[in-house]
Amino acid sequence: MPKYTYVALDKLGNETKGSIEAGSQNEAIGRVKDMQLFPTKITETDKEEKSAKKAAKSKAAPKPRPGGKKGAMNINIKIPGFSGVPPKVLTTFTRQLATLVDAGLPLLRGLRVLEKQERNSTLKGIISQVATSIEGGSTFSEGLAQHPKVFNRLFVNMVKAGELGGVLEVVLKRLAEFSEKAQKIKGKVKAALFYPIAVLIVAVGIMILLMTMVVPKFKEVFSGMGFKLPGFTLFVMGVSDLIRLNIMATSGVLAVLVVMFLLFIKTKFGRRIWDKTKLVMPPVGQVISKVAISRFCRTLGTLVSSGVPILQALTIVRETAGNVIISNAVSKVHESVKEGETITAPLEASRVFPPMVVSMVDVGEQTGALPEMLLKIADNYDEEVDNAVAAMTSLLEPIMIVALAVIVGSIVIAMFLPLIQMITNLSGDEGSGTGKKE
């Protein structure tokens, strides 16, 4: 009988290793599950030894030069901080692979088909490397794990759960749907913020143009008139001189302030303050808060429904939350579940999640339908994000228009005040002169 080595998680999320004898890999998976364990990796001992020997040979072999023979050795080229694969391209790849696997095409053949038609050179190379890893005896999830900048822990762990449960095509479909909905929400928020940002840029451009080109011309005209200028006009001219004559110093101060802010939010304390501010900052706070809650519920619901253990799923959610306040709340949930308690209490104590969300999660826990309930909450919050984005846009539009009008109008009024004063003085002089003649 073949011998299999396994790596599995117990109810508390602790990793255990061992070996068993079974007739097939499916039988080995069943026996591990019978021991109240969740298997994360099961390999036949003979295959594992062959893979180890193959890896040792590849390490000993000399590395080919860039112009060497094709297929001699795969080299993973990683660019720090940049994956080179847009989320939309990755989502399309996931959806296509799910369709091919669901149609009955073997995984390896499906990868080779997608490799041939892929236009993104980075993803094309990664697909080739993953396919080669599978040919060498590795699992699909192990091949994906070699490229963490493209396939995050959420992707890898869901694929691993799909492999173990024999439902890889279902998991890939869920991943594609998850990515599509995430991109949809992100696109809506970006579209909503485009208008106010564009207005802000135009306002700054107009203000700089007026302060550096128009106001100095008026100053030259007023300097030869010989009468005292209004205080507001002098103030605007002073600001104009400050910007025009100290453009480098002003730019330097602004650059230093931006760099200081970026460094501050990279610290643990600064990141916490900034993330907390984003959740309550009007009018964008409501949108950011709803997006964060939707992301938490959809990620956790997708992971648990795909067969990932709850503790491991909470760890992944914590790492992919994107907000320190949400991450801290998830950490408390993780500790609570680890101690055998419920999810509801720490969610309520965090004061980040609304009572409606807490109540629905509580119902899901009690009825044993937690994944379905989390996905329903995520769908509801996606709709609320749409409403919040519409409300934010309708509020920001008049605010930005009024702000632009006030800035430009103030400068125009400051320049016309001396002209009004001069016309008034001339009218007064003409009136007094007429009275003397009479």
Protein backbone atom coordinates (compact mmCIF):
# COMPACT_ATOMS: atom_id res chain seq x y z
CA MET A 1 0.00 0.00 0.00
CA PRO A 2 1.34 3.50 -0.85
CA LYS A 3 2.44 5.67 2.04
CA TYR A 4 1.33 9.32 2.27
CA THR A 5 2.68 12.17 4.37
CA TYR A 6 0.21 14.84 5.42
CA VAL A 7 0.14 18.35 6.90
CA ALA A 8 -3.14 19.25 8.60
CA LEU A 9 -4.76 21.74 10.99
CA ASP A 10 -6.68 20.78 14.14
CA LYS A 11 -9.77 22.58 15.52
CA LEU A 12 -7.58 25.21 17.20
CA GLY A 13 -5.67 25.92 14.00
CA ASN A 14 -2.46 24.22 15.13
CA GLU A 15 -0.45 22.47 12.40
CA THR A 16 0.25 18.75 12.71
CA LYS A 17 2.25 16.41 10.47
CA GLY A 18 2.26 12.65 10.05
CA SER A 19 2.08 9.74 7.64
CA ILE A 20 -0.55 7.11 6.82
CA GLU A 21 -0.99 4.19 4.45
CA ALA A 22 -3.90 4.35 2.00
CA GLY A 23 -4.93 2.99 -1.37
CA SER A 24 -5.24 6.43 -3.01
CA GLN A 25 -4.86 10.12 -2.23
CA ASN A 26 -8.66 10.53 -1.84
CA GLU A 27 -8.69 7.70 0.68
CA ALA A 28 -5.80 9.35 2.54
CA ILE A 29 -7.73 12.66 2.65
CA GLY A 30 -10.77 10.85 4.05
CA ARG A 31 -8.73 9.13 6.76
CA VAL A 32 -7.13 12.41 7.84
CA LYS A 33 -10.57 14.05 8.05
CA ASP A 34 -11.79 11.10 10.14
CA MET A 35 -9.11 12.05 12.68
CA GLN A 36 -10.91 15.44 13.13
CA LEU A 37 -8.16 17.21 11.17
CA PHE A 38 -8.32 19.50 8.12
CA PRO A 39 -5.66 18.43 5.59
CA THR A 40 -3.73 21.21 3.86
CA LYS A 41 -1.18 19.06 2.03
CA ILE A 42 -1.06 15.32 1.25
CA THR A 43 1.68 13.84 -0.90
CA GLU A 44 2.77 10.29 -1.70
CA THR A 45 6.10 9.53 -0.02
CA ASP A 46 7.69 8.19 -3.22
CA LYS A 47 6.69 11.28 -5.21
CA GLU A 48 7.96 13.56 -2.44
CA GLU A 49 11.36 11.83 -2.48
CA LYS A 50 11.53 12.14 -6.28
CA SER A 51 10.67 15.85 -6.09
CA ALA A 52 13.37 16.38 -3.44
CA LYS A 53 15.97 14.61 -5.61
CA LYS A 54 14.90 16.64 -8.63
CA ALA A 55 15.19 19.89 -6.64
CA ALA A 56 18.67 18.90 -5.42
CA LYS A 57 19.78 18.20 -9.00
CA SER A 58 18.41 21.52 -10.24
CA LYS A 59 20.30 23.38 -7.49
CA ALA A 60 23.52 21.60 -8.40
CA ALA A 61 23.10 22.27 -12.13
CA PRO A 62 24.71 25.48 -13.49
CA LYS A 63 22.34 28.37 -14.22
CA PRO A 64 21.90 29.10 -17.94
CA ARG A 65 22.83 32.48 -19.34
CA PRO A 66 20.14 34.77 -20.77
CA GLY A 67 20.97 33.62 -24.28
CA GLY A 68 21.04 29.91 -23.37
CA LYS A 69 18.78 27.08 -24.51
CA LYS A 70 15.07 27.39 -24.05
CA GLY A 71 13.50 25.29 -21.30
CA ALA A 72 16.81 24.57 -19.57
CA MET A 73 15.68 26.20 -16.35
CA ASN A 74 12.89 28.48 -15.13
CA ILE A 75 14.04 31.70 -13.51
CA ASN A 76 11.52 33.66 -11.42
CA ILE A 77 12.06 37.36 -12.13
CA LYS A 78 10.45 39.42 -9.35
CA ILE A 79 10.16 43.18 -9.40
CA PRO A 80 9.92 44.54 -5.85
CA GLY A 81 6.61 46.32 -5.17
CA PHE A 82 5.23 45.77 -8.69
CA SER A 83 3.54 42.63 -9.95
CA GLY A 84 3.12 43.75 -13.58
CA VAL A 85 -0.33 42.08 -13.71
CA PRO A 86 -3.36 44.42 -13.52
CA PRO A 87 -6.26 43.12 -11.36
CA LYS A 88 -8.58 43.08 -14.39
CA VAL A 89 -6.18 40.79 -16.32
CA LEU A 90 -5.86 38.46 -13.33
CA THR A 91 -9.65 38.30 -12.94
CA THR A 92 -10.06 37.40 -16.63
CA PHE A 93 -7.44 34.65 -16.30
CA THR A 94 -9.22 33.21 -13.24
CA ARG A 95 -12.61 33.25 -14.97
CA GLN A 96 -11.23 31.58 -18.11
CA LEU A 97 -9.40 28.89 -16.13
CA ALA A 98 -12.58 28.15 -14.13
CA THR A 99 -14.52 27.75 -17.39
CA LEU A 100 -11.93 25.38 -18.88
CA VAL A 101 -11.68 23.22 -15.72
CA ASP A 102 -15.49 23.14 -15.39
CA ALA A 103 -15.72 21.96 -19.03
CA GLY A 104 -13.63 18.90 -18.12
CA LEU A 105 -10.24 20.05 -19.45
CA PRO A 106 -7.30 18.91 -17.28
CA LEU A 107 -5.78 21.72 -15.21
CA LEU A 108 -2.33 21.46 -16.82
CA ARG A 109 -3.74 21.55 -20.34
CA GLY A 110 -5.97 24.49 -19.41
CA LEU A 111 -2.94 26.43 -18.16
CA ARG A 112 -1.04 25.73 -21.40
CA VAL A 113 -4.04 26.94 -23.46
CA LEU A 114 -4.26 30.17 -21.46
CA GLU A 115 -0.48 30.62 -21.69
CA LYS A 116 -0.64 30.63 -25.49
CA GLN A 117 -3.39 33.28 -25.68
CA GLU A 118 -2.22 35.53 -22.80
CA ARG A 119 -1.08 38.99 -23.98
CA ASN A 120 0.34 40.20 -20.66
CA SER A 121 3.99 39.10 -20.79
CA THR A 122 4.38 38.95 -16.99
CA LEU A 123 1.32 36.75 -16.45
CA LYS A 124 2.27 34.63 -19.47
CA GLY A 125 5.65 33.85 -17.88
CA ILE A 126 4.05 33.09 -14.49
CA ILE A 127 1.50 30.70 -16.06
CA SER A 128 4.38 28.88 -17.75
CA GLN A 129 6.27 28.60 -14.45
CA VAL A 130 3.17 27.34 -12.59
CA ALA A 131 2.52 24.74 -15.31
CA THR A 132 6.15 23.58 -15.11
CA SER A 133 5.84 23.27 -11.30
CA ILE A 134 2.75 21.06 -11.72
CA GLU A 135 4.63 18.89 -14.23
CA GLY A 136 7.37 18.53 -11.60
CA GLY A 137 4.95 17.09 -9.03
CA SER A 138 3.81 20.23 -7.20
CA THR A 139 0.18 21.12 -6.61
CA PHE A 140 -1.49 24.08 -8.29
CA SER A 141 -1.61 26.04 -5.01
CA GLU A 142 2.11 25.40 -4.39
CA GLY A 143 2.91 26.74 -7.87
CA LEU A 144 0.81 29.86 -7.23
CA ALA A 145 2.45 30.41 -3.82
CA GLN A 146 5.80 30.95 -5.59
CA HIS A 147 4.42 34.27 -6.94
CA PRO A 148 3.05 36.13 -3.88
CA LYS A 149 3.09 39.53 -5.60
CA VAL A 150 0.51 38.31 -8.13
CA PHE A 151 -1.41 35.64 -6.18
CA ASN A 152 -2.04 36.75 -2.58
CA ARG A 153 -2.75 34.48 0.38
CA LEU A 154 -6.49 34.70 -0.22
CA PHE A 155 -6.09 33.33 -3.76
CA VAL A 156 -3.60 30.60 -2.78
CA ASN A 157 -5.55 29.34 0.24
CA MET A 158 -8.85 29.20 -1.62
CA VAL A 159 -7.20 27.23 -4.45
CA LYS A 160 -5.67 24.89 -1.87
CA ALA A 161 -9.08 24.31 -0.26
CA GLY A 162 -10.60 23.69 -3.71
CA GLU A 163 -7.90 21.14 -4.55
CA LEU A 164 -8.41 19.22 -1.32
CA GLY A 165 -12.20 19.29 -1.64
CA GLY A 166 -12.18 18.36 -5.33
CA VAL A 167 -14.11 21.54 -6.23
CA LEU A 168 -11.37 23.60 -7.89
CA GLU A 169 -13.65 24.92 -10.65
CA VAL A 170 -16.19 26.15 -8.06
CA VAL A 171 -13.48 27.92 -6.06
CA LEU A 172 -12.02 29.54 -9.18
CA LYS A 173 -15.49 30.85 -10.10
CA ARG A 174 -15.88 32.29 -6.59
CA LEU A 175 -12.47 33.93 -6.85
CA ALA A 176 -13.38 35.48 -10.20
CA GLU A 177 -16.70 36.77 -8.82
CA PHE A 178 -14.94 38.10 -5.72
CA SER A 179 -12.38 39.98 -7.84
CA GLU A 180 -15.03 41.32 -10.22
CA LYS A 181 -17.14 42.73 -7.39
CA ALA A 182 -14.07 44.22 -5.68
CA GLN A 183 -13.04 45.91 -8.94
CA LYS A 184 -16.59 47.16 -9.49
CA ILE A 185 -16.73 48.82 -6.05
CA LYS A 186 -13.23 50.28 -6.49
CA GLY A 187 -14.20 51.65 -9.91
CA LYS A 188 -17.32 53.35 -8.53
CA VAL A 189 -15.38 55.05 -5.73
CA LYS A 190 -12.69 56.21 -8.20
CA ALA A 191 -15.33 57.56 -10.60
CA ALA A 192 -17.03 59.43 -7.75
CA LEU A 193 -13.77 61.03 -6.62
CA PHE A 194 -12.70 62.00 -10.16
CA TYR A 195 -14.93 65.08 -10.38
CA PRO A 196 -13.94 66.75 -7.08
CA ILE A 197 -10.25 65.99 -7.68
CA ALA A 198 -10.49 67.46 -11.20
CA VAL A 199 -12.20 70.60 -9.85
CA LEU A 200 -9.56 70.91 -7.13
CA ILE A 201 -6.72 70.67 -9.69
CA VAL A 202 -8.43 73.30 -11.89
CA ALA A 203 -8.94 75.57 -8.87
CA VAL A 204 -5.27 75.33 -7.87
CA GLY A 205 -4.18 75.95 -11.47
CA ILE A 206 -6.41 79.03 -11.80
CA MET A 207 -5.23 80.39 -8.45
CA ILE A 208 -1.55 79.98 -9.38
CA LEU A 209 -2.18 81.64 -12.77
CA LEU A 210 -3.98 84.58 -11.18
CA MET A 211 -1.39 85.01 -8.41
CA THR A 212 1.68 84.80 -10.66
CA MET A 213 0.44 86.47 -13.88
CA VAL A 214 -2.65 88.64 -13.33
CA VAL A 215 -2.18 90.15 -9.85
CA PRO A 216 1.39 91.44 -10.57
CA LYS A 217 0.02 93.32 -13.64
CA PHE A 218 -2.62 95.01 -11.49
CA LYS A 219 0.07 95.84 -8.90
CA GLU A 220 2.08 97.69 -11.58
CA VAL A 221 -1.01 99.69 -12.61
CA PHE A 222 -1.93 100.58 -9.00
CA SER A 223 1.62 101.58 -8.02
CA GLY A 224 1.48 104.79 -10.14
CA MET A 225 -1.93 105.97 -8.99
CA GLY A 226 -0.73 107.50 -5.73
CA PHE A 227 -3.62 106.56 -3.43
CA LYS A 228 -3.83 104.11 -0.53
CA LEU A 229 -5.00 100.63 -1.55
CA PRO A 230 -7.66 98.72 0.46
CA GLY A 231 -6.37 96.27 3.08
CA PHE A 232 -7.84 93.22 1.33
CA THR A 233 -6.09 94.18 -1.92
CA LEU A 234 -2.77 94.58 -0.10
CA PHE A 235 -3.24 91.15 1.52
CA VAL A 236 -3.86 89.44 -1.87
CA MET A 237 -0.85 91.23 -3.39
CA GLY A 238 1.30 90.10 -0.47
CA VAL A 239 0.25 86.47 -1.00
CA SER A 240 0.98 86.88 -4.72
CA ASP A 241 4.51 88.19 -3.98
CA LEU A 242 5.09 85.32 -1.53
CA ILE A 243 4.13 82.71 -4.14
CA ARG A 244 5.83 84.42 -7.12
CA LEU A 245 9.12 85.47 -5.50
CA ASN A 246 9.53 82.37 -3.32
CA ILE A 247 8.24 79.69 -5.68
CA MET A 248 11.09 77.29 -4.90
CA ALA A 249 10.83 77.79 -1.14
CA THR A 250 7.02 77.41 -1.25
CA SER A 251 7.31 74.21 -3.33
CA GLY A 252 9.98 72.91 -0.95
CA VAL A 253 7.80 73.53 2.12
CA LEU A 254 4.84 71.77 0.48
CA ALA A 255 7.07 68.83 -0.51
CA VAL A 256 8.46 68.55 3.04
CA LEU A 257 4.92 68.59 4.50
CA VAL A 258 3.81 65.83 2.10
CA VAL A 259 6.89 63.69 2.88
CA MET A 260 6.39 64.21 6.64
CA PHE A 261 2.76 63.14 6.34
CA LEU A 262 3.68 60.02 4.33
CA LEU A 263 6.36 59.08 6.87
CA PHE A 264 3.92 59.69 9.74
CA ILE A 265 1.24 57.35 8.33
CA LYS A 266 3.88 54.65 7.85
CA THR A 267 4.46 54.51 11.61
CA LYS A 268 2.24 52.24 13.70
CA PHE A 269 0.69 55.15 15.60
CA GLY A 270 0.31 57.32 12.50
CA ARG A 271 -1.30 54.53 10.45
CA ARG A 272 -3.79 53.89 13.24
CA ILE A 273 -4.73 57.59 13.51
CA TRP A 274 -5.03 57.98 9.71
CA ASP A 275 -7.12 54.81 9.25
CA LYS A 276 -9.43 55.84 12.09
CA THR A 277 -9.77 59.33 10.59
CA LYS A 278 -10.66 57.89 7.18
CA LEU A 279 -13.55 55.91 8.70
CA VAL A 280 -15.17 59.01 10.26
CA MET A 281 -14.04 61.81 7.91
CA PRO A 282 -17.02 63.51 6.22
CA PRO A 283 -18.18 63.06 3.54
CA VAL A 284 -15.94 60.16 2.39
CA GLY A 285 -15.93 58.35 5.76
CA GLN A 286 -19.28 56.65 5.13
CA VAL A 287 -18.09 55.30 1.78
CA ILE A 288 -14.75 54.02 3.16
CA SER A 289 -16.47 52.42 6.18
CA LYS A 290 -19.06 50.62 4.05
CA VAL A 291 -16.42 49.43 1.57
CA ALA A 292 -14.29 48.05 4.45
CA ILE A 293 -17.26 46.18 6.01
CA SER A 294 -18.30 44.79 2.62
CA ARG A 295 -14.74 43.63 1.95
CA PHE A 296 -14.47 41.94 5.37
CA CYS A 297 -17.78 40.08 4.98
CA ARG A 298 -17.18 39.03 1.37
CA THR A 299 -13.60 37.84 2.02
CA LEU A 300 -14.49 35.85 5.14
CA GLY A 301 -17.67 34.44 3.60
CA THR A 302 -15.88 33.38 0.40
CA LEU A 303 -13.02 31.72 2.31
CA VAL A 304 -15.24 29.79 4.76
CA SER A 305 -17.68 28.68 2.04
CA SER A 306 -14.71 27.39 0.01
CA GLY A 307 -13.58 25.10 2.85
CA VAL A 308 -10.83 27.18 4.46
CA PRO A 309 -10.80 26.68 8.28
CA ILE A 310 -12.29 29.62 10.19
CA LEU A 311 -9.08 30.48 12.08
CA GLN A 312 -6.99 30.42 8.93
CA ALA A 313 -9.68 32.45 7.12
CA LEU A 314 -9.66 35.10 9.87
CA THR A 315 -5.86 35.36 9.63
CA ILE A 316 -6.10 35.98 5.87
CA VAL A 317 -8.91 38.53 6.35
CA ARG A 318 -6.80 40.37 8.92
CA GLU A 319 -3.87 40.60 6.50
CA THR A 320 -6.00 41.74 3.55
CA ALA A 321 -8.30 44.16 5.44
CA GLY A 322 -6.42 47.28 4.26
CA ASN A 323 -7.32 49.19 7.43
CA VAL A 324 -5.60 48.89 10.83
CA ILE A 325 -8.83 49.47 12.79
CA ILE A 326 -10.59 46.64 10.91
CA SER A 327 -7.48 44.43 11.26
CA ASN A 328 -7.43 44.94 15.05
CA ALA A 329 -11.13 44.05 15.25
CA VAL A 330 -10.51 40.86 13.23
CA SER A 331 -7.56 39.98 15.52
CA LYS A 332 -9.92 40.09 18.53
CA VAL A 333 -12.40 37.90 16.65
CA HIS A 334 -9.57 35.43 15.92
CA GLU A 335 -8.61 35.28 19.61
CA SER A 336 -12.25 34.82 20.60
CA VAL A 337 -12.79 31.93 18.15
CA LYS A 338 -9.49 30.36 19.22
CA GLU A 339 -10.76 30.32 22.81
CA GLY A 340 -13.97 28.61 21.68
CA GLU A 341 -16.18 31.70 21.92
CA THR A 342 -18.41 33.33 19.29
CA ILE A 343 -17.60 35.86 16.59
CA THR A 344 -20.42 38.20 17.62
CA ALA A 345 -19.07 39.52 20.96
CA PRO A 346 -15.72 40.92 19.69
CA LEU A 347 -17.43 42.34 16.58
CA GLU A 348 -19.86 44.26 18.78
CA ALA A 349 -17.09 45.38 21.17
CA SER A 350 -14.98 46.81 18.30
CA ARG A 351 -17.65 49.50 17.58
CA VAL A 352 -16.60 49.37 13.92
CA PHE A 353 -19.42 47.13 12.70
CA PRO A 354 -23.03 48.44 12.82
CA PRO A 355 -25.60 46.61 15.02
CA MET A 356 -27.36 45.25 11.90
CA VAL A 357 -24.17 43.50 10.75
CA VAL A 358 -23.52 42.09 14.24
CA SER A 359 -27.11 40.80 14.47
CA MET A 360 -26.96 39.11 11.06
CA VAL A 361 -23.63 37.46 11.90
CA ASP A 362 -25.14 36.25 15.20
CA VAL A 363 -28.09 34.70 13.33
CA GLY A 364 -25.68 33.09 10.85
CA GLU A 365 -23.65 31.55 13.67
CA GLN A 366 -26.71 30.20 15.47
CA THR A 367 -28.26 28.70 12.32
CA GLY A 368 -24.98 27.29 10.98
CA ALA A 369 -25.21 29.42 7.82
CA LEU A 370 -22.44 31.90 8.60
CA PRO A 371 -20.83 31.95 5.08
CA GLU A 372 -24.17 32.56 3.36
CA MET A 373 -25.09 35.29 5.84
CA LEU A 374 -21.71 37.04 5.40
CA LEU A 375 -22.14 37.06 1.62
CA LYS A 376 -25.67 38.48 2.00
CA ILE A 377 -24.30 41.26 4.21
CA ALA A 378 -21.61 41.97 1.58
CA ASP A 379 -24.27 42.18 -1.18
CA ASN A 380 -26.37 44.56 0.96
CA TYR A 381 -23.37 46.76 1.68
CA ASP A 382 -22.40 46.84 -1.99
CA GLU A 383 -25.80 48.45 -2.65
CA GLU A 384 -25.26 50.82 0.29
CA VAL A 385 -21.87 51.77 -1.15
CA ASP A 386 -23.64 52.78 -4.38
CA ASN A 387 -26.04 55.01 -2.40
CA ALA A 388 -23.21 56.44 -0.25
CA VAL A 389 -21.13 57.23 -3.36
CA ALA A 390 -24.12 58.97 -4.99
CA ALA A 391 -24.74 60.99 -1.81
CA MET A 392 -21.06 61.90 -1.51
CA THR A 393 -20.91 63.04 -5.14
CA SER A 394 -24.07 65.15 -4.81
CA LEU A 395 -22.62 66.78 -1.68
CA LEU A 396 -19.10 67.35 -3.03
CA GLU A 397 -20.17 68.93 -6.34
CA PRO A 398 -21.75 72.09 -4.85
CA ILE A 399 -19.02 72.34 -2.18
CA MET A 400 -16.25 72.29 -4.80
CA ILE A 401 -18.09 74.75 -7.08
CA VAL A 402 -18.68 77.17 -4.19
CA ALA A 403 -15.05 76.83 -3.05
CA LEU A 404 -13.80 77.57 -6.58
CA ALA A 405 -16.14 80.56 -6.86
CA VAL A 406 -15.01 81.95 -3.48
CA ILE A 407 -11.29 81.62 -4.31
CA VAL A 408 -11.49 83.15 -7.79
CA GLY A 409 -14.12 85.69 -6.74
CA SER A 410 -12.04 86.89 -3.78
CA ILE A 411 -9.02 87.56 -6.02
CA VAL A 412 -11.17 89.36 -8.61
CA ILE A 413 -12.87 91.51 -5.94
CA ALA A 414 -9.47 92.37 -4.38
CA MET A 415 -8.26 93.65 -7.76
CA PHE A 416 -11.42 95.66 -8.51
CA LEU A 417 -11.72 97.33 -5.08
CA PRO A 418 -9.05 99.98 -5.94
CA LEU A 419 -10.78 100.67 -9.27
CA ILE A 420 -14.10 101.17 -7.47
CA GLN A 421 -12.37 103.42 -4.93
CA MET A 422 -10.74 105.44 -7.75
CA ILE A 423 -14.08 105.87 -9.59
CA THR A 424 -15.74 106.96 -6.34
CA ASN A 425 -12.99 109.53 -5.68
CA LEU A 426 -13.25 110.90 -9.23
CA SER A 427 -17.04 111.20 -8.94
CA GLY A 428 -16.62 113.04 -5.63
CA ASP A 429 -14.08 115.43 -7.11
CA GLU A 430 -16.32 116.22 -10.10
CA GLY A 431 -19.26 116.86 -7.78
CA SER A 432 -17.27 119.25 -5.54
CA GLY A 433 -15.85 121.08 -8.61
CA THR A 434 -19.33 121.70 -10.01
CA GLY A 435 -20.50 123.10 -6.70
CA LYS A 436 -17.64 125.68 -6.56
CA LYS A 437 -18.45 127.04 -10.05
CA GLU A 438 -22.00 127.75 -9.04
